[in-house]
Amino acid sequence: MITCVVEYVIDPAKIEPFERFGRRWMELVDLHGGTHHGYFLPAEGASDKAIALFSFPSLAAYEEYRALFGKDPEFIEADHITDESGCVLRYERTFMRPLLPTPPSHPGSR
């Protein structure tokens, strides 16, 4: 599994279009073989930071999804939200592999 962490610098005055953008991308990632873990938006005080986390089974699966950018009408439509609103000022994408907790063993099992 590979997890993509996207760190955004957003316009704090344009949270509503950023939320629309986020909702649409959550749907698209899930429709195209990924698992979206959500967008994390500023909650208190003045902040221009937001984060998105989503995973794909492999880098190859992610690359299949990325190949749709600029081609698939739904992807183009979703990108227009940020283009038209200016809600995203910039972003940085990082790929990580998760280290997840090991489920506890049950008494009597080996």
PDB file of N, CA and C in Angstrom:
ATOM      1  N   MET A   1       0.841  -1.175   0.000  1.00  0.00           N
ATOM      2  CA  MET A   1       0.000   0.000   0.000  1.00  0.00           C
ATOM      3  C   MET A   1       0.887   1.240   0.000  1.00  0.00           C
ATOM      4  N   ILE A   2       0.410   2.276  -0.714  1.00  0.00           N
ATOM      5  CA  ILE A   2       1.097   3.551  -0.728  1.00  0.00           C
ATOM      6  C   ILE A   2       0.083   4.630  -0.370  1.00  0.00           C
ATOM      7  N   THR A   3       0.473   5.537   0.492  1.00  0.00           N
ATOM      8  CA  THR A   3      -0.405   6.622   0.906  1.00  0.00           C
ATOM      9  C   THR A   3       0.153   7.938   0.409  1.00  0.00           C
ATOM     10  N   CYS A   4      -0.712   8.719  -0.190  1.00  0.00           N
ATOM     11  CA  CYS A   4      -0.343  10.039  -0.678  1.00  0.00           C
ATOM     12  C   CYS A   4      -0.802  11.063   0.357  1.00  0.00           C
ATOM     13  N   VAL A   5       0.130  11.906   0.775  1.00  0.00           N
ATOM     14  CA  VAL A   5      -0.159  12.999   1.694  1.00  0.00           C
ATOM     15  C   VAL A   5      -0.029  14.280   0.881  1.00  0.00           C
ATOM     16  N   VAL A   6      -1.115  15.022   0.781  1.00  0.00           N
ATOM     17  CA  VAL A   6      -1.092  16.279   0.039  1.00  0.00           C
ATOM     18  C   VAL A   6      -1.260  17.411   1.047  1.00  0.00           C
ATOM     19  N   GLU A   7      -0.250  18.273   1.107  1.00  0.00           N
ATOM     20  CA  GLU A   7      -0.292  19.435   1.987  1.00  0.00           C
ATOM     21  C   GLU A   7      -0.626  20.651   1.133  1.00  0.00           C
ATOM     22  N   TYR A   8      -1.718  21.315   1.491  1.00  0.00           N
ATOM     23  CA  TYR A   8      -2.197  22.464   0.736  1.00  0.00           C
ATOM     24  C   TYR A   8      -1.946  23.760   1.495  1.00  0.00           C
ATOM     25  N   VAL A   9      -1.688  24.813   0.758  1.00  0.00           N
ATOM     26  CA  VAL A   9      -1.814  26.176   1.260  1.00  0.00           C
ATOM     27  C   VAL A   9      -3.054  26.708   0.567  1.00  0.00           C
ATOM     28  N   ILE A  10      -4.044  27.080   1.371  1.00  0.00           N
ATOM     29  CA  ILE A  10      -5.334  27.493   0.833  1.00  0.00           C
ATOM     30  C   ILE A  10      -5.627  28.951   1.189  1.00  0.00           C
ATOM     31  N   ASP A  11      -6.578  29.512   0.483  1.00  0.00           N
ATOM     32  CA  ASP A  11      -7.070  30.848   0.812  1.00  0.00           C
ATOM     33  C   ASP A  11      -8.121  30.656   1.898  1.00  0.00           C
ATOM     34  N   PRO A  12      -7.871  31.115   3.138  1.00  0.00           N
ATOM     35  CA  PRO A  12      -8.821  30.889   4.232  1.00  0.00           C
ATOM     36  C   PRO A  12     -10.198  31.502   3.976  1.00  0.00           C
ATOM     37  N   ALA A  13     -10.275  32.482   3.096  1.00  0.00           N
ATOM     38  CA  ALA A  13     -11.560  33.098   2.772  1.00  0.00           C
ATOM     39  C   ALA A  13     -12.360  32.253   1.775  1.00  0.00           C
ATOM     40  N   LYS A  14     -11.749  31.170   1.281  1.00  0.00           N
ATOM     41  CA  LYS A  14     -12.404  30.344   0.259  1.00  0.00           C
ATOM     42  C   LYS A  14     -12.516  28.876   0.695  1.00  0.00           C
ATOM     43  N   ILE A  15     -12.909  28.690   1.947  1.00  0.00           N
ATOM     44  CA  ILE A  15     -13.055  27.333   2.494  1.00  0.00           C
ATOM     45  C   ILE A  15     -14.174  26.571   1.779  1.00  0.00           C
ATOM     46  N   GLU A  16     -15.286  27.237   1.488  1.00  0.00           N
ATOM     47  CA  GLU A  16     -16.427  26.542   0.873  1.00  0.00           C
ATOM     48  C   GLU A  16     -16.055  25.908  -0.466  1.00  0.00           C
ATOM     49  N   PRO A  17     -15.406  26.625  -1.396  1.00  0.00           N
ATOM     50  CA  PRO A  17     -15.028  25.935  -2.632  1.00  0.00           C
ATOM     51  C   PRO A  17     -13.976  24.853  -2.397  1.00  0.00           C
ATOM     52  N   PHE A  18     -13.109  25.025  -1.395  1.00  0.00           N
ATOM     53  CA  PHE A  18     -12.132  23.975  -1.102  1.00  0.00           C
ATOM     54  C   PHE A  18     -12.845  22.726  -0.601  1.00  0.00           C
ATOM     55  N   GLU A  19     -13.886  22.895   0.206  1.00  0.00           N
ATOM     56  CA  GLU A  19     -14.653  21.741   0.677  1.00  0.00           C
ATOM     57  C   GLU A  19     -15.359  21.039  -0.488  1.00  0.00           C
ATOM     58  N   ARG A  20     -15.900  21.802  -1.438  1.00  0.00           N
ATOM     59  CA  ARG A  20     -16.510  21.186  -2.628  1.00  0.00           C
ATOM     60  C   ARG A  20     -15.471  20.393  -3.409  1.00  0.00           C
ATOM     61  N   PHE A  21     -14.293  20.986  -3.599  1.00  0.00           N
ATOM     62  CA  PHE A  21     -13.166  20.333  -4.266  1.00  0.00           C
ATOM     63  C   PHE A  21     -12.819  19.026  -3.542  1.00  0.00           C
ATOM     64  N   GLY A  22     -12.695  19.089  -2.228  1.00  0.00           N
ATOM     65  CA  GLY A  22     -12.348  17.908  -1.443  1.00  0.00           C
ATOM     66  C   GLY A  22     -13.384  16.807  -1.534  1.00  0.00           C
ATOM     67  N   ARG A  23     -14.657  17.172  -1.424  1.00  0.00           N
ATOM     68  CA  ARG A  23     -15.724  16.160  -1.520  1.00  0.00           C
ATOM     69  C   ARG A  23     -15.682  15.449  -2.873  1.00  0.00           C
ATOM     70  N   ARG A  24     -15.455  16.218  -3.928  1.00  0.00           N
ATOM     71  CA  ARG A  24     -15.423  15.623  -5.270  1.00  0.00           C
ATOM     72  C   ARG A  24     -14.242  14.678  -5.420  1.00  0.00           C
ATOM     73  N   TRP A  25     -13.046  15.078  -4.928  1.00  0.00           N
ATOM     74  CA  TRP A  25     -11.876  14.207  -5.053  1.00  0.00           C
ATOM     75  C   TRP A  25     -11.992  12.961  -4.184  1.00  0.00           C
ATOM     76  N   MET A  26     -12.659  13.068  -3.040  1.00  0.00           N
ATOM     77  CA  MET A  26     -12.864  11.859  -2.234  1.00  0.00           C
ATOM     78  C   MET A  26     -13.660  10.836  -3.037  1.00  0.00           C
ATOM     79  N   GLU A  27     -14.701  11.299  -3.735  1.00  0.00           N
ATOM     80  CA  GLU A  27     -15.502  10.397  -4.575  1.00  0.00           C
ATOM     81  C   GLU A  27     -14.655   9.791  -5.690  1.00  0.00           C
ATOM     82  N   LEU A  28     -13.858  10.628  -6.371  1.00  0.00           N
ATOM     83  CA  LEU A  28     -13.080  10.152  -7.517  1.00  0.00           C
ATOM     84  C   LEU A  28     -11.998   9.151  -7.112  1.00  0.00           C
ATOM     85  N   VAL A  29     -11.322   9.406  -6.005  1.00  0.00           N
ATOM     86  CA  VAL A  29     -10.298   8.454  -5.543  1.00  0.00           C
ATOM     87  C   VAL A  29     -10.955   7.109  -5.262  1.00  0.00           C
ATOM     88  N   ASP A  30     -12.081   7.131  -4.545  1.00  0.00           N
ATOM     89  CA  ASP A  30     -12.758   5.878  -4.211  1.00  0.00           C
ATOM     90  C   ASP A  30     -13.285   5.162  -5.461  1.00  0.00           C
ATOM     91  N   LEU A  31     -13.764   5.915  -6.443  1.00  0.00           N
ATOM     92  CA  LEU A  31     -14.263   5.316  -7.683  1.00  0.00           C
ATOM     93  C   LEU A  31     -13.160   4.678  -8.526  1.00  0.00           C
ATOM     94  N   HIS A  32     -11.933   5.126  -8.342  1.00  0.00           N
ATOM     95  CA  HIS A  32     -10.835   4.676  -9.199  1.00  0.00           C
ATOM     96  C   HIS A  32      -9.806   3.821  -8.448  1.00  0.00           C
ATOM     97  N   GLY A  33     -10.276   3.068  -7.440  1.00  0.00           N
ATOM     98  CA  GLY A  33      -9.444   2.053  -6.819  1.00  0.00           C
ATOM     99  C   GLY A  33      -8.687   2.453  -5.576  1.00  0.00           C
ATOM    100  N   GLY A  34      -8.843   3.687  -5.129  1.00  0.00           N
ATOM    101  CA  GLY A  34      -8.145   4.134  -3.928  1.00  0.00           C
ATOM    102  C   GLY A  34      -9.071   4.167  -2.730  1.00  0.00           C
ATOM    103  N   THR A  35      -8.506   4.507  -1.601  1.00  0.00           N
ATOM    104  CA  THR A  35      -9.257   4.722  -0.367  1.00  0.00           C
ATOM    105  C   THR A  35      -8.898   6.108   0.127  1.00  0.00           C
ATOM    106  N   HIS A  36      -9.883   6.987   0.195  1.00  0.00           N
ATOM    107  CA  HIS A  36      -9.619   8.344   0.678  1.00  0.00           C
ATOM    108  C   HIS A  36      -9.826   8.363   2.178  1.00  0.00           C
ATOM    109  N   HIS A  37      -8.870   8.944   2.893  1.00  0.00           N
ATOM    110  CA  HIS A  37      -8.934   9.017   4.355  1.00  0.00           C
ATOM    111  C   HIS A  37      -9.438  10.374   4.827  1.00  0.00           C
ATOM    112  N   GLY A  38      -9.721  11.265   3.891  1.00  0.00           N
ATOM    113  CA  GLY A  38     -10.319  12.548   4.239  1.00  0.00           C
ATOM    114  C   GLY A  38      -9.399  13.732   4.043  1.00  0.00           C
ATOM    115  N   TYR A  39     -10.024  14.883   4.148  1.00  0.00           N
ATOM    116  CA  TYR A  39      -9.337  16.173   4.138  1.00  0.00           C
ATOM    117  C   TYR A  39      -9.370  16.705   5.552  1.00  0.00           C
ATOM    118  N   PHE A  40      -8.308  17.328   5.967  1.00  0.00           N
ATOM    119  CA  PHE A  40      -8.205  17.888   7.292  1.00  0.00           C
ATOM    120  C   PHE A  40      -7.992  19.388   7.127  1.00  0.00           C
ATOM    121  N   LEU A  41      -8.993  20.157   7.605  1.00  0.00           N
ATOM    122  CA  LEU A  41      -9.060  21.586   7.363  1.00  0.00           C
ATOM    123  C   LEU A  41      -8.783  22.364   8.641  1.00  0.00           C
ATOM    124  N   PRO A  42      -8.443  23.638   8.500  1.00  0.00           N
ATOM    125  CA  PRO A  42      -8.218  24.459   9.700  1.00  0.00           C
ATOM    126  C   PRO A  42      -9.460  24.448  10.587  1.00  0.00           C
ATOM    127  N   ALA A  43      -9.239  24.330  11.891  1.00  0.00           N
ATOM    128  CA  ALA A  43     -10.358  24.265  12.826  1.00  0.00           C
ATOM    129  C   ALA A  43     -10.407  25.478  13.747  1.00  0.00           C
ATOM    130  N   GLU A  44      -9.257  26.017  14.098  1.00  0.00           N
ATOM    131  CA  GLU A  44      -9.213  27.142  15.027  1.00  0.00           C
ATOM    132  C   GLU A  44      -8.196  28.155  14.557  1.00  0.00           C
ATOM    133  N   GLY A  45      -8.496  29.397  14.814  1.00  0.00           N
ATOM    134  CA  GLY A  45      -7.548  30.452  14.503  1.00  0.00           C
ATOM    135  C   GLY A  45      -7.346  30.628  13.005  1.00  0.00           C
ATOM    136  N   ALA A  46      -6.486  31.556  12.678  1.00  0.00           N
ATOM    137  CA  ALA A  46      -6.179  31.829  11.273  1.00  0.00           C
ATOM    138  C   ALA A  46      -5.180  30.801  10.775  1.00  0.00           C
ATOM    139  N   SER A  47      -5.573  30.070   9.771  1.00  0.00           N
ATOM    140  CA  SER A  47      -4.667  29.085   9.202  1.00  0.00           C
ATOM    141  C   SER A  47      -4.940  28.947   7.721  1.00  0.00           C
ATOM    142  N   ASP A  48      -3.876  28.708   6.995  1.00  0.00           N
ATOM    143  CA  ASP A  48      -4.018  28.505   5.553  1.00  0.00           C
ATOM    144  C   ASP A  48      -3.538  27.123   5.151  1.00  0.00           C
ATOM    145  N   LYS A  49      -3.513  26.181   6.101  1.00  0.00           N
ATOM    146  CA  LYS A  49      -3.041  24.828   5.840  1.00  0.00           C
ATOM    147  C   LYS A  49      -4.193  23.836   5.819  1.00  0.00           C
ATOM    148  N   ALA A  50      -4.118  22.892   4.891  1.00  0.00           N
ATOM    149  CA  ALA A  50      -5.060  21.772   4.834  1.00  0.00           C
ATOM    150  C   ALA A  50      -4.280  20.552   4.361  1.00  0.00           C
ATOM    151  N   ILE A  51      -4.770  19.377   4.707  1.00  0.00           N
ATOM    152  CA  ILE A  51      -4.090  18.129   4.350  1.00  0.00           C
ATOM    153  C   ILE A  51      -5.114  17.132   3.834  1.00  0.00           C
ATOM    154  N   ALA A  52      -4.709  16.345   2.846  1.00  0.00           N
ATOM    155  CA  ALA A  52      -5.521  15.230   2.359  1.00  0.00           C
ATOM    156  C   ALA A  52      -4.671  13.969   2.423  1.00  0.00           C
ATOM    157  N   LEU A  53      -5.303  12.861   2.740  1.00  0.00           N
ATOM    158  CA  LEU A  53      -4.635  11.561   2.801  1.00  0.00           C
ATOM    159  C   LEU A  53      -5.465  10.553   2.018  1.00  0.00           C
ATOM    160  N   PHE A  54      -4.815   9.841   1.104  1.00  0.00           N
ATOM    161  CA  PHE A  54      -5.504   8.756   0.408  1.00  0.00           C
ATOM    162  C   PHE A  54      -4.488   7.689   0.044  1.00  0.00           C
ATOM    163  N   SER A  55      -4.979   6.456  -0.072  1.00  0.00           N
ATOM    164  CA  SER A  55      -4.100   5.310  -0.326  1.00  0.00           C
ATOM    165  C   SER A  55      -4.544   4.546  -1.557  1.00  0.00           C
ATOM    166  N   PHE A  56      -3.568   3.913  -2.188  1.00  0.00           N
ATOM    167  CA  PHE A  56      -3.803   2.978  -3.281  1.00  0.00           C
ATOM    168  C   PHE A  56      -3.052   1.694  -2.941  1.00  0.00           C
ATOM    169  N   PRO A  57      -3.511   0.559  -3.476  1.00  0.00           N
ATOM    170  CA  PRO A  57      -2.854  -0.711  -3.156  1.00  0.00           C
ATOM    171  C   PRO A  57      -1.377  -0.743  -3.544  1.00  0.00           C
ATOM    172  N   SER A  58      -0.993   0.031  -4.581  1.00  0.00           N
ATOM    173  CA  SER A  58       0.397   0.037  -5.039  1.00  0.00           C
ATOM    174  C   SER A  58       0.672   1.336  -5.788  1.00  0.00           C
ATOM    175  N   LEU A  59       1.937   1.604  -6.033  1.00  0.00           N
ATOM    176  CA  LEU A  59       2.304   2.776  -6.830  1.00  0.00           C
ATOM    177  C   LEU A  59       1.759   2.629  -8.252  1.00  0.00           C
ATOM    178  N   ALA A  60       1.761   1.414  -8.790  1.00  0.00           N
ATOM    179  CA  ALA A  60       1.220   1.180 -10.132  1.00  0.00           C
ATOM    180  C   ALA A  60      -0.270   1.530 -10.191  1.00  0.00           C
ATOM    181  N   ALA A  61      -1.031   1.172  -9.156  1.00  0.00           N
ATOM    182  CA  ALA A  61      -2.457   1.503  -9.114  1.00  0.00           C
ATOM    183  C   ALA A  61      -2.647   3.017  -9.041  1.00  0.00           C
ATOM    184  N   TYR A  62      -1.805   3.694  -8.273  1.00  0.00           N
ATOM    185  CA  TYR A  62      -1.870   5.155  -8.203  1.00  0.00           C
ATOM    186  C   TYR A  62      -1.566   5.769  -9.576  1.00  0.00           C
ATOM    187  N   GLU A  63      -0.573   5.227 -10.263  1.00  0.00           N
ATOM    188  CA  GLU A  63      -0.199   5.764 -11.575  1.00  0.00           C
ATOM    189  C   GLU A  63      -1.327   5.594 -12.591  1.00  0.00           C
ATOM    190  N   GLU A  64      -2.093   4.510 -12.494  1.00  0.00           N
ATOM    191  CA  GLU A  64      -3.260   4.336 -13.369  1.00  0.00           C
ATOM    192  C   GLU A  64      -4.280   5.449 -13.114  1.00  0.00           C
ATOM    193  N   TYR A  65      -4.507   5.741 -11.847  1.00  0.00           N
ATOM    194  CA  TYR A  65      -5.407   6.828 -11.459  1.00  0.00           C
ATOM    195  C   TYR A  65      -4.881   8.173 -11.976  1.00  0.00           C
ATOM    196  N   ARG A  66      -3.600   8.433 -11.793  1.00  0.00           N
ATOM    197  CA  ARG A  66      -2.998   9.709 -12.231  1.00  0.00           C
ATOM    198  C   ARG A  66      -3.058   9.879 -13.746  1.00  0.00           C
ATOM    199  N   ALA A  67      -3.065   8.792 -14.487  1.00  0.00           N
ATOM    200  CA  ALA A  67      -3.117   8.867 -15.949  1.00  0.00           C
ATOM    201  C   ALA A  67      -4.425   9.497 -16.438  1.00  0.00           C
ATOM    202  N   LEU A  68      -5.434   9.548 -15.572  1.00  0.00           N
ATOM    203  CA  LEU A  68      -6.723  10.122 -15.948  1.00  0.00           C
ATOM    204  C   LEU A  68      -6.748  11.647 -15.865  1.00  0.00           C
ATOM    205  N   PHE A  69      -5.753  12.234 -15.182  1.00  0.00           N
ATOM    206  CA  PHE A  69      -5.709  13.692 -15.037  1.00  0.00           C
ATOM    207  C   PHE A  69      -5.558  14.343 -16.405  1.00  0.00           C
ATOM    208  N   GLY A  70      -6.375  15.364 -16.632  1.00  0.00           N
ATOM    209  CA  GLY A  70      -6.319  16.086 -17.895  1.00  0.00           C
ATOM    210  C   GLY A  70      -7.021  15.372 -19.046  1.00  0.00           C
ATOM    211  N   LYS A  71      -7.520  14.159 -18.800  1.00  0.00           N
ATOM    212  CA  LYS A  71      -8.184  13.372 -19.850  1.00  0.00           C
ATOM    213  C   LYS A  71      -9.637  13.066 -19.491  1.00  0.00           C
ATOM    214  N   ASP A  72      -9.851  12.556 -18.300  1.00  0.00           N
ATOM    215  CA  ASP A  72     -11.187  12.164 -17.861  1.00  0.00           C
ATOM    216  C   ASP A  72     -12.020  13.422 -17.562  1.00  0.00           C
ATOM    217  N   PRO A  73     -13.231  13.522 -18.128  1.00  0.00           N
ATOM    218  CA  PRO A  73     -14.064  14.719 -17.906  1.00  0.00           C
ATOM    219  C   PRO A  73     -14.373  14.995 -16.434  1.00  0.00           C
ATOM    220  N   GLU A  74     -14.545  13.939 -15.626  1.00  0.00           N
ATOM    221  CA  GLU A  74     -14.823  14.150 -14.202  1.00  0.00           C
ATOM    222  C   GLU A  74     -13.613  14.746 -13.482  1.00  0.00           C
ATOM    223  N   PHE A  75     -12.414  14.320 -13.848  1.00  0.00           N
ATOM    224  CA  PHE A  75     -11.199  14.858 -13.238  1.00  0.00           C
ATOM    225  C   PHE A  75     -11.032  16.329 -13.638  1.00  0.00           C
ATOM    226  N   ILE A  76     -11.282  16.620 -14.892  1.00  0.00           N
ATOM    227  CA  ILE A  76     -11.161  17.997 -15.390  1.00  0.00           C
ATOM    228  C   ILE A  76     -12.162  18.895 -14.666  1.00  0.00           C
ATOM    229  N   GLU A  77     -13.391  18.416 -14.512  1.00  0.00           N
ATOM    230  CA  GLU A  77     -14.429  19.176 -13.812  1.00  0.00           C
ATOM    231  C   GLU A  77     -14.011  19.455 -12.363  1.00  0.00           C
ATOM    232  N   ALA A  78     -13.478  18.450 -11.675  1.00  0.00           N
ATOM    233  CA  ALA A  78     -13.064  18.626 -10.285  1.00  0.00           C
ATOM    234  C   ALA A  78     -11.931  19.646 -10.174  1.00  0.00           C
ATOM    235  N   ASP A  79     -10.987  19.611 -11.090  1.00  0.00           N
ATOM    236  CA  ASP A  79      -9.892  20.589 -11.067  1.00  0.00           C
ATOM    237  C   ASP A  79     -10.379  22.005 -11.341  1.00  0.00           C
ATOM    238  N   HIS A  80     -11.460  22.152 -12.104  1.00  0.00           N
ATOM    239  CA  HIS A  80     -11.998  23.492 -12.394  1.00  0.00           C
ATOM    240  C   HIS A  80     -12.463  24.200 -11.123  1.00  0.00           C
ATOM    241  N   ILE A  81     -12.830  23.453 -10.106  1.00  0.00           N
ATOM    242  CA  ILE A  81     -13.266  24.074  -8.848  1.00  0.00           C
ATOM    243  C   ILE A  81     -12.149  24.955  -8.302  1.00  0.00           C
ATOM    244  N   THR A  82     -10.932  24.430  -8.272  1.00  0.00           N
ATOM    245  CA  THR A  82      -9.821  25.237  -7.751  1.00  0.00           C
ATOM    246  C   THR A  82      -9.393  26.300  -8.753  1.00  0.00           C
ATOM    247  N   ASP A  83      -9.430  25.967 -10.039  1.00  0.00           N
ATOM    248  CA  ASP A  83      -9.053  26.944 -11.060  1.00  0.00           C
ATOM    249  C   ASP A  83      -9.959  28.170 -11.008  1.00  0.00           C
ATOM    250  N   GLU A  84     -11.261  27.949 -10.892  1.00  0.00           N
ATOM    251  CA  GLU A  84     -12.222  29.048 -10.913  1.00  0.00           C
ATOM    252  C   GLU A  84     -12.264  29.826  -9.604  1.00  0.00           C
ATOM    253  N   SER A  85     -12.089  29.140  -8.478  1.00  0.00           N
ATOM    254  CA  SER A  85     -12.232  29.804  -7.179  1.00  0.00           C
ATOM    255  C   SER A  85     -10.922  30.383  -6.647  1.00  0.00           C
ATOM    256  N   GLY A  86      -9.806  29.788  -7.034  1.00  0.00           N
ATOM    257  CA  GLY A  86      -8.527  30.216  -6.465  1.00  0.00           C
ATOM    258  C   GLY A  86      -8.353  29.797  -5.016  1.00  0.00           C
ATOM    259  N   CYS A  87      -9.073  28.754  -4.594  1.00  0.00           N
ATOM    260  CA  CYS A  87      -9.005  28.338  -3.187  1.00  0.00           C
ATOM    261  C   CYS A  87      -7.677  27.672  -2.815  1.00  0.00           C
ATOM    262  N   VAL A  88      -7.003  27.044  -3.787  1.00  0.00           N
ATOM    263  CA  VAL A  88      -5.705  26.407  -3.525  1.00  0.00           C
ATOM    264  C   VAL A  88      -4.612  27.322  -4.070  1.00  0.00           C
ATOM    265  N   LEU A  89      -3.726  27.746  -3.182  1.00  0.00           N
ATOM    266  CA  LEU A  89      -2.620  28.609  -3.591  1.00  0.00           C
ATOM    267  C   LEU A  89      -1.431  27.786  -4.066  1.00  0.00           C
ATOM    268  N   ARG A  90      -1.186  26.681  -3.371  1.00  0.00           N
ATOM    269  CA  ARG A  90      -0.150  25.730  -3.796  1.00  0.00           C
ATOM    270  C   ARG A  90      -0.322  24.445  -2.990  1.00  0.00           C
ATOM    271  N   TYR A  91       0.355  23.393  -3.473  1.00  0.00           N
ATOM    272  CA  TYR A  91       0.286  22.121  -2.760  1.00  0.00           C
ATOM    273  C   TYR A  91       1.567  21.346  -2.994  1.00  0.00           C
ATOM    274  N   GLU A  92       1.799  20.400  -2.099  1.00  0.00           N
ATOM    275  CA  GLU A  92       2.959  19.507  -2.196  1.00  0.00           C
ATOM    276  C   GLU A  92       2.483  18.096  -1.906  1.00  0.00           C
ATOM    277  N   ARG A  93       2.920  17.159  -2.743  1.00  0.00           N
ATOM    278  CA  ARG A  93       2.493  15.763  -2.630  1.00  0.00           C
ATOM    279  C   ARG A  93       3.685  14.915  -2.174  1.00  0.00           C
ATOM    280  N   THR A  94       3.451  14.063  -1.182  1.00  0.00           N
ATOM    281  CA  THR A  94       4.468  13.154  -0.665  1.00  0.00           C
ATOM    282  C   THR A  94       3.861  11.755  -0.598  1.00  0.00           C
ATOM    283  N   PHE A  95       4.646  10.749  -0.947  1.00  0.00           N
ATOM    284  CA  PHE A  95       4.187   9.363  -0.868  1.00  0.00           C
ATOM    285  C   PHE A  95       4.822   8.693   0.334  1.00  0.00           C
ATOM    286  N   MET A  96       4.005   7.969   1.076  1.00  0.00           N
ATOM    287  CA  MET A  96       4.470   7.301   2.280  1.00  0.00           C
ATOM    288  C   MET A  96       3.895   5.892   2.324  1.00  0.00           C
ATOM    289  N   ARG A  97       4.533   5.048   3.097  1.00  0.00           N
ATOM    290  CA  ARG A  97       3.980   3.719   3.349  1.00  0.00           C
ATOM    291  C   ARG A  97       3.554   3.676   4.805  1.00  0.00           C
ATOM    292  N   PRO A  98       2.366   3.182   5.069  1.00  0.00           N
ATOM    293  CA  PRO A  98       1.873   3.197   6.443  1.00  0.00           C
ATOM    294  C   PRO A  98       2.495   2.096   7.308  1.00  0.00           C
ATOM    295  N   LEU A  99       2.711   2.411   8.550  1.00  0.00           N
ATOM    296  CA  LEU A  99       3.043   1.440   9.583  1.00  0.00           C
ATOM    297  C   LEU A  99       1.821   1.430  10.485  1.00  0.00           C
ATOM    298  N   LEU A 100       1.039   0.368  10.404  1.00  0.00           N
ATOM    299  CA  LEU A 100      -0.240   0.302  11.099  1.00  0.00           C
ATOM    300  C   LEU A 100      -0.131  -0.528  12.360  1.00  0.00           C
ATOM    301  N   PRO A 101      -1.000  -0.263  13.330  1.00  0.00           N
ATOM    302  CA  PRO A 101      -0.953  -1.055  14.562  1.00  0.00           C
ATOM    303  C   PRO A 101      -1.279  -2.512  14.281  1.00  0.00           C
ATOM    304  N   THR A 102      -0.640  -3.390  15.006  1.00  0.00           N
ATOM    305  CA  THR A 102      -0.912  -4.817  14.907  1.00  0.00           C
ATOM    306  C   THR A 102      -2.104  -5.125  15.800  1.00  0.00           C
ATOM    307  N   PRO A 103      -3.094  -5.825  15.271  1.00  0.00           N
ATOM    308  CA  PRO A 103      -4.248  -6.155  16.126  1.00  0.00           C
ATOM    309  C   PRO A 103      -3.794  -6.986  17.323  1.00  0.00           C
ATOM    310  N   PRO A 104      -4.391  -6.740  18.488  1.00  0.00           N
ATOM    311  CA  PRO A 104      -4.008  -7.525  19.662  1.00  0.00           C
ATOM    312  C   PRO A 104      -4.381  -8.996  19.475  1.00  0.00           C
ATOM    313  N   SER A 105      -3.558  -9.864  20.004  1.00  0.00           N
ATOM    314  CA  SER A 105      -3.894 -11.291  19.921  1.00  0.00           C
ATOM    315  C   SER A 105      -4.950 -11.592  20.968  1.00  0.00           C
ATOM    316  N   HIS A 106      -5.779 -12.556  20.660  1.00  0.00           N
ATOM    317  CA  HIS A 106      -6.853 -12.931  21.574  1.00  0.00           C
ATOM    318  C   HIS A 106      -6.332 -14.019  22.517  1.00  0.00           C
ATOM    319  N   PRO A 107      -6.792 -13.988  23.755  1.00  0.00           N
ATOM    320  CA  PRO A 107      -6.359 -15.044  24.712  1.00  0.00           C
ATOM    321  C   PRO A 107      -6.694 -16.429  24.161  1.00  0.00           C
ATOM    322  N   GLY A 108      -5.782 -17.322  24.273  1.00  0.00           N
ATOM    323  CA  GLY A 108      -5.990 -18.690  23.826  1.00  0.00           C
ATOM    324  C   GLY A 108      -5.627 -18.920  22.367  1.00  0.00           C
ATOM    325  N   SER A 109      -5.318 -17.827  21.632  1.00  0.00           N
ATOM    326  CA  SER A 109      -4.920 -18.017  20.227  1.00  0.00           C
ATOM    327  C   SER A 109      -3.409 -17.919  20.120  1.00  0.00           C
ATOM    328  N   ARG A 110      -2.859 -18.577  19.136  1.00  0.00           N
ATOM    329  CA  ARG A 110      -1.413 -18.556  18.953  1.00  0.00           C
ATOM    330  C   ARG A 110      -1.089 -18.289  17.541  1.00  0.00           C
TER     331      ARG A 110
END
